[in-house]
PDB file of N, CA and C in Angstrom:
ATOM      1  N   MET A   1     137.545  82.497  89.507  1.00  0.00           N
ATOM      2  CA  MET A   1     136.936  84.032  89.526  1.00  0.00           C
ATOM      3  C   MET A   1     136.215  84.440  88.011  1.00  0.00           C
ATOM      4  N   SER A   2     136.823  84.049  86.829  1.00  0.00           N
ATOM      5  CA  SER A   2     136.422  84.538  85.643  1.00  0.00           C
ATOM      6  C   SER A   2     135.004  83.664  85.615  1.00  0.00           C
ATOM      7  N   LYS A   3     134.815  82.654  85.866  1.00  0.00           N
ATOM      8  CA  LYS A   3     133.363  82.124  85.552  1.00  0.00           C
ATOM      9  C   LYS A   3     132.240  82.842  86.305  1.00  0.00           C
ATOM     10  N   ILE A   4     132.694  83.202  87.717  1.00  0.00           N
ATOM     11  CA  ILE A   4     131.629  84.010  88.521  1.00  0.00           C
ATOM     12  C   ILE A   4     131.400  85.634  87.937  1.00  0.00           C
ATOM     13  N   TYR A   5     132.426  85.946  87.129  1.00  0.00           N
ATOM     14  CA  TYR A   5     132.447  87.247  86.648  1.00  0.00           C
ATOM     15  C   TYR A   5     131.604  87.219  85.527  1.00  0.00           C
ATOM     16  N   ASP A   6     132.042  86.190  84.549  1.00  0.00           N
ATOM     17  CA  ASP A   6     131.182  85.691  83.700  1.00  0.00           C
ATOM     18  C   ASP A   6     129.751  85.834  83.769  1.00  0.00           C
ATOM     19  N   TRP A   7     129.295  85.169  84.598  1.00  0.00           N
ATOM     20  CA  TRP A   7     127.845  84.798  85.017  1.00  0.00           C
ATOM     21  C   TRP A   7     127.337  86.058  85.327  1.00  0.00           C
ATOM     22  N   PHE A   8     127.968  86.920  86.101  1.00  0.00           N
ATOM     23  CA  PHE A   8     127.090  88.165  86.649  1.00  0.00           C
ATOM     24  C   PHE A   8     127.003  89.211  85.368  1.00  0.00           C
ATOM     25  N   GLU A   9     128.004  89.556  84.524  1.00  0.00           N
ATOM     26  CA  GLU A   9     128.288  90.361  83.319  1.00  0.00           C
ATOM     27  C   GLU A   9     127.233  89.877  82.254  1.00  0.00           C
ATOM     28  N   GLU A  10     126.961  88.281  82.405  1.00  0.00           N
ATOM     29  CA  GLU A  10     126.057  87.648  81.266  1.00  0.00           C
ATOM     30  C   GLU A  10     124.698  88.318  81.799  1.00  0.00           C
ATOM     31  N   ARG A  11     124.161  88.216  83.296  1.00  0.00           N
ATOM     32  CA  ARG A  11     122.923  88.563  83.669  1.00  0.00           C
ATOM     33  C   ARG A  11     122.738  90.007  83.879  1.00  0.00           C
ATOM     34  N   LEU A  12     123.640  90.859  83.917  1.00  0.00           N
ATOM     35  CA  LEU A  12     123.820  92.337  84.460  1.00  0.00           C
ATOM     36  C   LEU A  12     124.294  92.891  83.146  1.00  0.00           C
ATOM     37  N   GLU A  13     123.580  93.005  82.099  1.00  0.00           N
ATOM     38  CA  GLU A  13     124.030  93.818  80.844  1.00  0.00           C
ATOM     39  C   GLU A  13     123.760  95.306  80.985  1.00  0.00           C
ATOM     40  N   ILE A  14     124.913  95.994  81.345  1.00  0.00           N
ATOM     41  CA  ILE A  14     124.652  97.490  81.752  1.00  0.00           C
ATOM     42  C   ILE A  14     123.836  98.096  80.535  1.00  0.00           C
ATOM     43  N   GLN A  15     124.247  97.941  79.228  1.00  0.00           N
ATOM     44  CA  GLN A  15     123.879  98.441  78.193  1.00  0.00           C
ATOM     45  C   GLN A  15     122.113  98.309  77.946  1.00  0.00           C
ATOM     46  N   ALA A  16     121.970  97.258  78.237  1.00  0.00           N
ATOM     47  CA  ALA A  16     120.512  96.849  77.938  1.00  0.00           C
ATOM     48  C   ALA A  16     119.609  97.558  79.369  1.00  0.00           C
ATOM     49  N   ILE A  17     120.427  97.379  80.605  1.00  0.00           N
ATOM     50  CA  ILE A  17     119.867  98.109  81.692  1.00  0.00           C
ATOM     51  C   ILE A  17     119.420  99.561  81.429  1.00  0.00           C
ATOM     52  N   ALA A  18     120.558 100.330  80.761  1.00  0.00           N
ATOM     53  CA  ALA A  18     120.573 101.749  80.559  1.00  0.00           C
ATOM     54  C   ALA A  18     119.396 101.901  79.310  1.00  0.00           C
ATOM     55  N   ASP A  19     119.233 101.014  78.273  1.00  0.00           N
ATOM     56  CA  ASP A  19     118.371 101.081  77.625  1.00  0.00           C
ATOM     57  C   ASP A  19     117.007 101.052  78.173  1.00  0.00           C
ATOM     58  N   ASP A  20     116.765 100.270  78.903  1.00  0.00           N
ATOM     59  CA  ASP A  20     115.382 100.046  79.499  1.00  0.00           C
ATOM     60  C   ASP A  20     115.174 100.970  80.569  1.00  0.00           C
ATOM     61  N   ILE A  21     116.328 101.867  81.259  1.00  0.00           N
ATOM     62  CA  ILE A  21     116.047 102.843  81.962  1.00  0.00           C
ATOM     63  C   ILE A  21     115.673 104.003  81.229  1.00  0.00           C
ATOM     64  N   THR A  22     116.413 104.280  80.258  1.00  0.00           N
ATOM     65  CA  THR A  22     115.821 105.606  79.179  1.00  0.00           C
ATOM     66  C   THR A  22     114.449 105.214  78.666  1.00  0.00           C
ATOM     67  N   ILE A  23     113.796 104.021  78.494  1.00  0.00           N
ATOM     68  CA  ILE A  23     112.473 103.959  77.645  1.00  0.00           C
ATOM     69  C   ILE A  23     111.544 104.110  79.189  1.00  0.00           C
ATOM     70  N   GLN A  24     112.081 103.728  80.211  1.00  0.00           N
ATOM     71  CA  GLN A  24     111.229 103.731  81.365  1.00  0.00           C
ATOM     72  C   GLN A  24     111.018 105.485  81.597  1.00  0.00           C
ATOM     73  N   VAL A  25     112.021 105.963  81.478  1.00  0.00           N
ATOM     74  CA  VAL A  25     111.954 107.637  81.863  1.00  0.00           C
ATOM     75  C   VAL A  25     111.327 108.484  80.754  1.00  0.00           C
ATOM     76  N   ALA A  26     111.412 107.873  79.438  1.00  0.00           N
ATOM     77  CA  ALA A  26     110.687 108.638  78.260  1.00  0.00           C
ATOM     78  C   ALA A  26     109.346 108.288  78.483  1.00  0.00           C
ATOM     79  N   THR A  27     108.805 107.072  78.538  1.00  0.00           N
ATOM     80  CA  THR A  27     107.672 106.768  78.644  1.00  0.00           C
ATOM     81  C   THR A  27     106.634 107.322  79.660  1.00  0.00           C
ATOM     82  N   GLY A  28     107.575 107.227  81.293  1.00  0.00           N
ATOM     83  CA  GLY A  28     107.241 107.725  82.257  1.00  0.00           C
ATOM     84  C   GLY A  28     106.998 109.141  82.022  1.00  0.00           C
ATOM     85  N   PHE A  29     107.628 109.913  81.412  1.00  0.00           N
ATOM     86  CA  PHE A  29     107.393 111.323  81.607  1.00  0.00           C
ATOM     87  C   PHE A  29     106.339 111.777  80.340  1.00  0.00           C
ATOM     88  N   ALA A  30     106.235 111.004  79.496  1.00  0.00           N
ATOM     89  CA  ALA A  30     104.911 111.166  78.422  1.00  0.00           C
ATOM     90  C   ALA A  30     103.534 110.859  79.370  1.00  0.00           C
ATOM     91  N   MET A  31     103.634 109.731  80.245  1.00  0.00           N
ATOM     92  CA  MET A  31     102.437 109.826  81.141  1.00  0.00           C
ATOM     93  C   MET A  31     102.183 110.510  81.930  1.00  0.00           C
ATOM     94  N   THR A  32     103.010 111.273  82.542  1.00  0.00           N
ATOM     95  CA  THR A  32     102.936 112.188  83.551  1.00  0.00           C
ATOM     96  C   THR A  32     102.021 113.471  83.090  1.00  0.00           C
ATOM     97  N   PHE A  33     101.604 113.570  81.924  1.00  0.00           N
ATOM     98  CA  PHE A  33     100.951 114.486  81.433  1.00  0.00           C
ATOM     99  C   PHE A  33      99.392 114.141  81.720  1.00  0.00           C
ATOM    100  N   TYR A  34      99.192 112.929  81.747  1.00  0.00           N
ATOM    101  CA  TYR A  34      97.819 112.498  81.831  1.00  0.00           C
ATOM    102  C   TYR A  34      97.483 111.976  83.249  1.00  0.00           C
ATOM    103  N   TYR A  35      98.430 111.474  83.983  1.00  0.00           N
ATOM    104  CA  TYR A  35      98.023 110.596  85.005  1.00  0.00           C
ATOM    105  C   TYR A  35      97.859 111.778  86.347  1.00  0.00           C
ATOM    106  N   ARG A  36      96.744 111.418  86.906  1.00  0.00           N
ATOM    107  CA  ARG A  36      96.413 112.382  88.241  1.00  0.00           C
ATOM    108  C   ARG A  36      96.545 111.355  89.395  1.00  0.00           C
ATOM    109  N   PRO A  37      97.633 111.833  90.479  1.00  0.00           N
ATOM    110  CA  PRO A  37      97.979 110.994  91.138  1.00  0.00           C
ATOM    111  C   PRO A  37      97.211 111.243  92.540  1.00  0.00           C
ATOM    112  N   THR A  38      95.820 111.068  92.462  1.00  0.00           N
ATOM    113  CA  THR A  38      95.077 111.341  93.544  1.00  0.00           C
ATOM    114  C   THR A  38      94.051 109.944  93.828  1.00  0.00           C
ATOM    115  N   VAL A  39      93.647 109.878  94.926  1.00  0.00           N
ATOM    116  CA  VAL A  39      92.908 109.037  95.307  1.00  0.00           C
ATOM    117  C   VAL A  39      91.644 108.817  94.622  1.00  0.00           C
ATOM    118  N   ALA A  40      91.064 109.717  94.260  1.00  0.00           N
ATOM    119  CA  ALA A  40      89.893 109.599  93.587  1.00  0.00           C
ATOM    120  C   ALA A  40      89.570 109.807  91.993  1.00  0.00           C
ATOM    121  N   GLU A  41      91.106 110.093  91.763  1.00  0.00           N
ATOM    122  CA  GLU A  41      91.181 110.170  89.843  1.00  0.00           C
ATOM    123  C   GLU A  41      92.169 109.395  89.250  1.00  0.00           C
ATOM    124  N   ALA A  42      92.836 108.593  90.098  1.00  0.00           N
ATOM    125  CA  ALA A  42      94.350 107.861  89.633  1.00  0.00           C
ATOM    126  C   ALA A  42      93.590 106.733  88.595  1.00  0.00           C
ATOM    127  N   PHE A  43      92.491 105.873  88.977  1.00  0.00           N
ATOM    128  CA  PHE A  43      92.355 104.854  88.179  1.00  0.00           C
ATOM    129  C   PHE A  43      91.640 105.655  86.776  1.00  0.00           C
ATOM    130  N   ALA A  44      90.781 106.461  86.994  1.00  0.00           N
ATOM    131  CA  ALA A  44      90.076 107.125  85.842  1.00  0.00           C
ATOM    132  C   ALA A  44      91.023 107.574  84.953  1.00  0.00           C
ATOM    133  N   SER A  45      92.078 108.019  85.380  1.00  0.00           N
ATOM    134  CA  SER A  45      93.295 108.840  84.509  1.00  0.00           C
ATOM    135  C   SER A  45      93.929 107.843  83.792  1.00  0.00           C
ATOM    136  N   VAL A  46      94.120 106.562  84.414  1.00  0.00           N
ATOM    137  CA  VAL A  46      94.940 105.473  83.811  1.00  0.00           C
ATOM    138  C   VAL A  46      93.962 104.880  82.376  1.00  0.00           C
ATOM    139  N   GLN A  47      92.565 105.057  82.822  1.00  0.00           N
ATOM    140  CA  GLN A  47      91.668 104.458  81.885  1.00  0.00           C
ATOM    141  C   GLN A  47      91.602 105.317  80.706  1.00  0.00           C
ATOM    142  N   TYR A  48      91.814 106.711  81.103  1.00  0.00           N
ATOM    143  CA  TYR A  48      91.495 107.760  79.978  1.00  0.00           C
ATOM    144  C   TYR A  48      92.781 107.452  79.107  1.00  0.00           C
ATOM    145  N   LEU A  49      93.943 107.332  79.733  1.00  0.00           N
ATOM    146  CA  LEU A  49      95.094 107.206  78.882  1.00  0.00           C
ATOM    147  C   LEU A  49      95.067 106.108  78.015  1.00  0.00           C
ATOM    148  N   MET A  50      94.479 104.933  78.379  1.00  0.00           N
ATOM    149  CA  MET A  50      94.486 103.735  77.556  1.00  0.00           C
ATOM    150  C   MET A  50      93.538 103.959  76.600  1.00  0.00           C
ATOM    151  N   THR A  51      92.311 104.526  76.593  1.00  0.00           N
ATOM    152  CA  THR A  51      91.482 104.597  75.738  1.00  0.00           C
ATOM    153  C   THR A  51      91.033 105.784  75.079  1.00  0.00           C
ATOM    154  N   ASP A  52      91.393 107.105  75.362  1.00  0.00           N
ATOM    155  CA  ASP A  52      91.095 108.159  74.947  1.00  0.00           C
ATOM    156  C   ASP A  52      92.229 109.019  74.334  1.00  0.00           C
ATOM    157  N   VAL A  53      93.384 108.860  74.824  1.00  0.00           N
ATOM    158  CA  VAL A  53      94.603 109.682  74.365  1.00  0.00           C
ATOM    159  C   VAL A  53      95.253 108.949  73.094  1.00  0.00           C
ATOM    160  N   ASN A  54      95.797 109.685  71.949  1.00  0.00           N
ATOM    161  CA  ASN A  54      96.222 108.772  71.099  1.00  0.00           C
ATOM    162  C   ASN A  54      97.534 108.447  71.335  1.00  0.00           C
ATOM    163  N   PHE A  55      97.630 107.048  70.967  1.00  0.00           N
ATOM    164  CA  PHE A  55      98.416 106.100  71.311  1.00  0.00           C
ATOM    165  C   PHE A  55      98.995 106.179  72.609  1.00  0.00           C
ATOM    166  N   GLY A  56      97.964 106.331  73.760  1.00  0.00           N
ATOM    167  CA  GLY A  56      98.310 106.398  75.012  1.00  0.00           C
ATOM    168  C   GLY A  56      98.206 104.827  75.358  1.00  0.00           C
ATOM    169  N   TRP A  57      97.674 104.016  74.718  1.00  0.00           N
ATOM    170  CA  TRP A  57      97.996 102.387  75.288  1.00  0.00           C
ATOM    171  C   TRP A  57      99.246 102.086  74.879  1.00  0.00           C
ATOM    172  N   LEU A  58      99.511 102.559  73.814  1.00  0.00           N
ATOM    173  CA  LEU A  58     100.970 102.053  73.119  1.00  0.00           C
ATOM    174  C   LEU A  58     102.115 102.507  74.171  1.00  0.00           C
ATOM    175  N   ILE A  59     101.950 103.845  74.643  1.00  0.00           N
ATOM    176  CA  ILE A  59     102.957 104.518  75.478  1.00  0.00           C
ATOM    177  C   ILE A  59     103.126 103.638  76.857  1.00  0.00           C
ATOM    178  N   ARG A  60     101.753 103.400  77.487  1.00  0.00           N
ATOM    179  CA  ARG A  60     101.627 102.853  78.801  1.00  0.00           C
ATOM    180  C   ARG A  60     102.005 101.071  78.616  1.00  0.00           C
ATOM    181  N   SER A  61     101.850 100.547  77.353  1.00  0.00           N
ATOM    182  CA  SER A  61     102.309  99.078  77.298  1.00  0.00           C
ATOM    183  C   SER A  61     103.770  99.232  77.169  1.00  0.00           C
ATOM    184  N   ILE A  62     104.730  99.988  76.427  1.00  0.00           N
ATOM    185  CA  ILE A  62     105.755 100.208  76.337  1.00  0.00           C
ATOM    186  C   ILE A  62     106.335 100.440  77.693  1.00  0.00           C
ATOM    187  N   HIS A  63     105.751 101.083  78.617  1.00  0.00           N
ATOM    188  CA  HIS A  63     106.437 101.443  79.666  1.00  0.00           C
ATOM    189  C   HIS A  63     106.420 100.017  80.794  1.00  0.00           C
ATOM    190  N   ARG A  64     105.305  99.499  80.592  1.00  0.00           N
ATOM    191  CA  ARG A  64     105.139  98.138  81.254  1.00  0.00           C
ATOM    192  C   ARG A  64     106.221  97.145  80.805  1.00  0.00           C
ATOM    193  N   TRP A  65     106.240  96.950  79.502  1.00  0.00           N
ATOM    194  CA  TRP A  65     106.884  95.903  78.647  1.00  0.00           C
ATOM    195  C   TRP A  65     108.337  96.098  79.134  1.00  0.00           C
ATOM    196  N   SER A  66     108.703  97.390  79.071  1.00  0.00           N
ATOM    197  CA  SER A  66     110.264  97.479  79.285  1.00  0.00           C
ATOM    198  C   SER A  66     110.465  97.240  80.711  1.00  0.00           C
ATOM    199  N   ALA A  67     109.618  97.248  81.618  1.00  0.00           N
ATOM    200  CA  ALA A  67     109.727  96.939  83.036  1.00  0.00           C
ATOM    201  C   ALA A  67     109.745  95.771  83.422  1.00  0.00           C
ATOM    202  N   SER A  68     109.394  94.639  82.618  1.00  0.00           N
ATOM    203  CA  SER A  68     109.593  93.421  82.691  1.00  0.00           C
ATOM    204  C   SER A  68     110.682  92.755  82.242  1.00  0.00           C
ATOM    205  N   GLY A  69     111.595  92.513  83.239  1.00  0.00           N
ATOM    206  CA  GLY A  69     113.033  92.186  82.999  1.00  0.00           C
ATOM    207  C   GLY A  69     113.279  90.444  83.046  1.00  0.00           C
ATOM    208  N   PHE A  70     112.285  89.664  83.077  1.00  0.00           N
ATOM    209  CA  PHE A  70     112.510  88.515  83.286  1.00  0.00           C
ATOM    210  C   PHE A  70     112.600  87.525  81.934  1.00  0.00           C
ATOM    211  N   LYS A  71     113.721  87.793  81.663  1.00  0.00           N
ATOM    212  CA  LYS A  71     114.309  87.051  80.581  1.00  0.00           C
ATOM    213  C   LYS A  71     115.663  86.935  80.639  1.00  0.00           C
ATOM    214  N   ARG A  72     116.256  85.932  80.084  1.00  0.00           N
ATOM    215  CA  ARG A  72     117.561  85.514  80.147  1.00  0.00           C
ATOM    216  C   ARG A  72     118.098  86.639  79.198  1.00  0.00           C
ATOM    217  N   PRO A  73     119.543  87.253  79.648  1.00  0.00           N
ATOM    218  CA  PRO A  73     119.987  87.051  80.931  1.00  0.00           C
ATOM    219  C   PRO A  73     119.690  88.096  82.195  1.00  0.00           C
ATOM    220  N   ARG A  74     118.309  88.565  82.294  1.00  0.00           N
ATOM    221  CA  ARG A  74     118.077  89.704  83.203  1.00  0.00           C
ATOM    222  C   ARG A  74     117.482  88.952  84.359  1.00  0.00           C
ATOM    223  N   GLU A  75     117.432  87.700  84.612  1.00  0.00           N
ATOM    224  CA  GLU A  75     116.804  87.239  85.696  1.00  0.00           C
ATOM    225  C   GLU A  75     116.899  87.542  86.880  1.00  0.00           C
ATOM    226  N   LEU A  76     118.204  88.237  87.253  1.00  0.00           N
ATOM    227  CA  LEU A  76     118.869  88.409  88.214  1.00  0.00           C
ATOM    228  C   LEU A  76     118.042  90.020  88.761  1.00  0.00           C
ATOM    229  N   THR A  77     118.088  90.769  87.644  1.00  0.00           N
ATOM    230  CA  THR A  77     117.763  91.773  87.914  1.00  0.00           C
ATOM    231  C   THR A  77     116.254  92.022  88.160  1.00  0.00           C
ATOM    232  N   TRP A  78     115.554  91.074  87.538  1.00  0.00           N
ATOM    233  CA  TRP A  78     114.068  90.514  87.918  1.00  0.00           C
ATOM    234  C   TRP A  78     113.975  90.070  89.299  1.00  0.00           C
ATOM    235  N   LEU A  79     114.578  89.178  89.664  1.00  0.00           N
ATOM    236  CA  LEU A  79     114.494  88.549  90.920  1.00  0.00           C
ATOM    237  C   LEU A  79     114.916  89.614  92.092  1.00  0.00           C
ATOM    238  N   SER A  80     115.970  90.559  91.858  1.00  0.00           N
ATOM    239  CA  SER A  80     115.892  91.573  93.199  1.00  0.00           C
ATOM    240  C   SER A  80     114.646  92.426  93.269  1.00  0.00           C
ATOM    241  N   GLY A  81     114.148  92.790  92.154  1.00  0.00           N
ATOM    242  CA  GLY A  81     113.042  93.568  91.972  1.00  0.00           C
ATOM    243  C   GLY A  81     111.691  93.117  92.546  1.00  0.00           C
ATOM    244  N   VAL A  82     111.594  91.705  92.149  1.00  0.00           N
ATOM    245  CA  VAL A  82     110.451  91.021  93.007  1.00  0.00           C
ATOM    246  C   VAL A  82     110.635  90.969  94.628  1.00  0.00           C
ATOM    247  N   ILE A  83     112.106  90.653  94.930  1.00  0.00           N
ATOM    248  CA  ILE A  83     112.166  90.796  96.327  1.00  0.00           C
ATOM    249  C   ILE A  83     112.057  91.864  97.125  1.00  0.00           C
ATOM    250  N   MET A  84     112.308  93.205  96.344  1.00  0.00           N
ATOM    251  CA  MET A  84     112.005  94.244  96.822  1.00  0.00           C
ATOM    252  C   MET A  84     110.494  94.791  97.100  1.00  0.00           C
ATOM    253  N   ALA A  85     109.547  94.191  95.844  1.00  0.00           N
ATOM    254  CA  ALA A  85     108.205  94.440  95.789  1.00  0.00           C
ATOM    255  C   ALA A  85     107.546  93.450  96.895  1.00  0.00           C
ATOM    256  N   VAL A  86     107.775  92.249  97.057  1.00  0.00           N
ATOM    257  CA  VAL A  86     107.322  91.643  98.125  1.00  0.00           C
ATOM    258  C   VAL A  86     107.786  92.147  99.617  1.00  0.00           C
ATOM    259  N   CYS A  87     109.037  92.590  99.727  1.00  0.00           N
ATOM    260  CA  CYS A  87     109.438  93.056 100.997  1.00  0.00           C
ATOM    261  C   CYS A  87     108.464  94.490 101.561  1.00  0.00           C
ATOM    262  N   THR A  88     108.234  95.428 100.279  1.00  0.00           N
ATOM    263  CA  THR A  88     107.340  96.778 100.607  1.00  0.00           C
ATOM    264  C   THR A  88     105.956  95.993 100.895  1.00  0.00           C
ATOM    265  N   VAL A  89     105.207  95.384 100.248  1.00  0.00           N
ATOM    266  CA  VAL A  89     103.961  95.086 100.134  1.00  0.00           C
ATOM    267  C   VAL A  89     103.976  94.216 101.646  1.00  0.00           C
ATOM    268  N   SER A  90     104.705  93.369 101.869  1.00  0.00           N
ATOM    269  CA  SER A  90     104.618  92.686 103.303  1.00  0.00           C
ATOM    270  C   SER A  90     104.739  93.881 104.324  1.00  0.00           C
ATOM    271  N   PHE A  91     105.590  94.594 104.314  1.00  0.00           N
ATOM    272  CA  PHE A  91     105.849  95.457 105.663  1.00  0.00           C
ATOM    273  C   PHE A  91     104.455  96.431 105.425  1.00  0.00           C
ATOM    274  N   GLY A  92     103.870  96.965 104.235  1.00  0.00           N
ATOM    275  CA  GLY A  92     102.582  97.549 104.757  1.00  0.00           C
ATOM    276  C   GLY A  92     101.610  96.839 104.705  1.00  0.00           C
ATOM    277  N   VAL A  93     101.704  95.402 104.696  1.00  0.00           N
ATOM    278  CA  VAL A  93     100.202  94.880 105.280  1.00  0.00           C
ATOM    279  C   VAL A  93     100.385  94.121 106.621  1.00  0.00           C
ATOM    280  N   THR A  94     101.756  93.800 106.960  1.00  0.00           N
ATOM    281  CA  THR A  94     101.922  93.281 108.198  1.00  0.00           C
ATOM    282  C   THR A  94     102.134  94.335 109.495  1.00  0.00           C
ATOM    283  N   GLY A  95     102.848  95.578 108.946  1.00  0.00           N
ATOM    284  CA  GLY A  95     103.228  96.556 109.765  1.00  0.00           C
ATOM    285  C   GLY A  95     104.647  95.985 110.464  1.00  0.00           C
ATOM    286  N   VAL A  96     105.402  94.856 110.037  1.00  0.00           N
ATOM    287  CA  VAL A  96     106.338  94.426 110.703  1.00  0.00           C
ATOM    288  C   VAL A  96     107.498  95.564 110.966  1.00  0.00           C
ATOM    289  N   PRO A  97     107.609  96.452 110.072  1.00  0.00           N
ATOM    290  CA  PRO A  97     108.498  97.800 110.664  1.00  0.00           C
ATOM    291  C   PRO A  97     108.347  98.271 111.674  1.00  0.00           C
ATOM    292  N   GLU A  98     107.042  98.164 112.270  1.00  0.00           N
ATOM    293  CA  GLU A  98     106.636  99.210 113.305  1.00  0.00           C
ATOM    294  C   GLU A  98     107.281  98.512 114.524  1.00  0.00           C
ATOM    295  N   ALA A  99     107.704  97.119 114.596  1.00  0.00           N
ATOM    296  CA  ALA A  99     108.146  96.393 115.612  1.00  0.00           C
ATOM    297  C   ALA A  99     109.810  96.504 115.809  1.00  0.00           C
ATOM    298  N   ILE A 100     110.231  97.166 114.835  1.00  0.00           N
ATOM    299  CA  ILE A 100     111.675  97.400 114.700  1.00  0.00           C
ATOM    300  C   ILE A 100     111.895  98.649 115.877  1.00  0.00           C
ATOM    301  N   PRO A 101     112.594  98.243 116.980  1.00  0.00           N
ATOM    302  CA  PRO A 101     112.904  99.673 118.182  1.00  0.00           C
ATOM    303  C   PRO A 101     113.427 100.767 117.438  1.00  0.00           C
ATOM    304  N   VAL A 102     113.204 102.092 117.724  1.00  0.00           N
ATOM    305  CA  VAL A 102     113.757 103.067 117.479  1.00  0.00           C
ATOM    306  C   VAL A 102     113.526 103.526 116.164  1.00  0.00           C
ATOM    307  N   ILE A 103     113.797 102.856 114.947  1.00  0.00           N
ATOM    308  CA  ILE A 103     113.348 103.362 113.794  1.00  0.00           C
ATOM    309  C   ILE A 103     112.103 102.706 112.948  1.00  0.00           C
ATOM    310  N   GLY A 104     111.396 101.792 113.880  1.00  0.00           N
ATOM    311  CA  GLY A 104     110.265 101.645 113.344  1.00  0.00           C
ATOM    312  C   GLY A 104     109.284 102.315 112.773  1.00  0.00           C
ATOM    313  N   GLY A 105     108.776 103.125 113.533  1.00  0.00           N
ATOM    314  CA  GLY A 105     107.842 104.171 113.448  1.00  0.00           C
ATOM    315  C   GLY A 105     108.127 105.252 112.176  1.00  0.00           C
ATOM    316  N   PRO A 106     109.008 105.748 112.259  1.00  0.00           N
ATOM    317  CA  PRO A 106     109.706 106.533 111.315  1.00  0.00           C
ATOM    318  C   PRO A 106     109.790 106.053 109.667  1.00  0.00           C
ATOM    319  N   LEU A 107     110.180 104.434 110.047  1.00  0.00           N
ATOM    320  CA  LEU A 107     110.395 103.741 108.465  1.00  0.00           C
ATOM    321  C   LEU A 107     108.894 103.616 107.841  1.00  0.00           C
ATOM    322  N   VAL A 108     108.028 103.205 108.899  1.00  0.00           N
ATOM    323  CA  VAL A 108     106.642 103.120 108.181  1.00  0.00           C
ATOM    324  C   VAL A 108     106.195 104.393 107.884  1.00  0.00           C
ATOM    325  N   GLU A 109     106.338 105.320 108.477  1.00  0.00           N
ATOM    326  CA  GLU A 109     105.878 106.761 107.781  1.00  0.00           C
ATOM    327  C   GLU A 109     106.476 107.131 106.575  1.00  0.00           C
ATOM    328  N   LEU A 110     107.706 106.791 106.342  1.00  0.00           N
ATOM    329  CA  LEU A 110     108.622 106.989 105.415  1.00  0.00           C
ATOM    330  C   LEU A 110     107.841 106.351 104.219  1.00  0.00           C
ATOM    331  N   LEU A 111     107.772 105.003 104.516  1.00  0.00           N
ATOM    332  CA  LEU A 111     107.190 103.883 103.263  1.00  0.00           C
ATOM    333  C   LEU A 111     105.735 104.419 102.909  1.00  0.00           C
ATOM    334  N   ARG A 112     105.138 104.901 103.898  1.00  0.00           N
ATOM    335  CA  ARG A 112     103.620 105.295 103.480  1.00  0.00           C
ATOM    336  C   ARG A 112     103.406 106.375 103.069  1.00  0.00           C
ATOM    337  N   GLY A 113     104.500 107.522 103.403  1.00  0.00           N
ATOM    338  CA  GLY A 113     104.226 108.823 103.046  1.00  0.00           C
ATOM    339  C   GLY A 113     103.385 109.533 103.783  1.00  0.00           C
ATOM    340  N   GLY A 114     103.347 109.096 105.028  1.00  0.00           N
ATOM    341  CA  GLY A 114     102.889 109.732 106.274  1.00  0.00           C
ATOM    342  C   GLY A 114     101.978 108.693 107.412  1.00  0.00           C
ATOM    343  N   VAL A 115     101.141 108.963 108.144  1.00  0.00           N
ATOM    344  CA  VAL A 115     100.554 108.135 109.288  1.00  0.00           C
ATOM    345  C   VAL A 115     100.071 107.107 108.670  1.00  0.00           C
ATOM    346  N   GLY A 116      99.078 107.262 107.852  1.00  0.00           N
ATOM    347  CA  GLY A 116      98.047 106.463 107.050  1.00  0.00           C
ATOM    348  C   GLY A 116      98.452 106.369 105.565  1.00  0.00           C
ATOM    349  N   VAL A 117      97.856 105.380 105.038  1.00  0.00           N
ATOM    350  CA  VAL A 117      97.753 105.400 103.278  1.00  0.00           C
ATOM    351  C   VAL A 117      96.676 106.151 102.901  1.00  0.00           C
ATOM    352  N   GLY A 118      97.014 106.982 101.932  1.00  0.00           N
ATOM    353  CA  GLY A 118      96.050 107.711 101.501  1.00  0.00           C
ATOM    354  C   GLY A 118      96.597 108.764 100.420  1.00  0.00           C
ATOM    355  N   GLN A 119      96.159 109.997 100.012  1.00  0.00           N
ATOM    356  CA  GLN A 119      96.825 111.002  99.112  1.00  0.00           C
ATOM    357  C   GLN A 119      98.129 111.271  99.157  1.00  0.00           C
ATOM    358  N   SER A 120      98.961 111.057 100.244  1.00  0.00           N
ATOM    359  CA  SER A 120     100.178 111.670 100.507  1.00  0.00           C
ATOM    360  C   SER A 120     101.146 110.347 100.054  1.00  0.00           C
ATOM    361  N   THR A 121     100.378 109.021  99.978  1.00  0.00           N
ATOM    362  CA  THR A 121     101.079 107.687  99.628  1.00  0.00           C
ATOM    363  C   THR A 121     101.077 107.969  97.907  1.00  0.00           C
ATOM    364  N   LEU A 122     100.334 108.505  97.269  1.00  0.00           N
ATOM    365  CA  LEU A 122     100.162 108.512  95.813  1.00  0.00           C
ATOM    366  C   LEU A 122     101.463 109.525  95.346  1.00  0.00           C
ATOM    367  N   THR A 123     101.295 110.564  95.977  1.00  0.00           N
ATOM    368  CA  THR A 123     102.053 111.898  95.335  1.00  0.00           C
ATOM    369  C   THR A 123     103.356 112.135  96.166  1.00  0.00           C
ATOM    370  N   ARG A 124     103.706 111.077  96.926  1.00  0.00           N
ATOM    371  CA  ARG A 124     105.208 111.266  97.543  1.00  0.00           C
ATOM    372  C   ARG A 124     106.273 111.177  96.422  1.00  0.00           C
ATOM    373  N   PRO A 125     107.380 111.663  96.644  1.00  0.00           N
ATOM    374  CA  PRO A 125     108.653 111.374  95.298  1.00  0.00           C
ATOM    375  C   PRO A 125     109.287 110.041  95.588  1.00  0.00           C
ATOM    376  N   LEU A 126     109.237 109.584  96.759  1.00  0.00           N
ATOM    377  CA  LEU A 126     109.969 108.502  97.199  1.00  0.00           C
ATOM    378  C   LEU A 126     109.271 107.119  96.856  1.00  0.00           C
TER     379      LEU A 126
END
């Protein structure tokens, strides 16, 4: 039992995860002043952040770097994130959740933020 506990403790360092979350929240908050979550303006706002905002490139890069957790001992955290990302993308592309009886339709609408992919998908809080 001790070896299993040690393996999980080594890979799920709570302090390191808390630090990463703090960095993610701080840099994400800073980026919200410049990011425009609309279909027409999303790319241009990120490009503006990276090229014209003082130290915008640094804030976005720190945000991205703190999100990449694939380094020992956090590969389990990284793996769970990859699995969730693959599931989300595959559900959106294939429409598999729609085939699930009773909850399929509402689940797809929840993931997309509406009936189709568009403005509501970018701006939804989920």
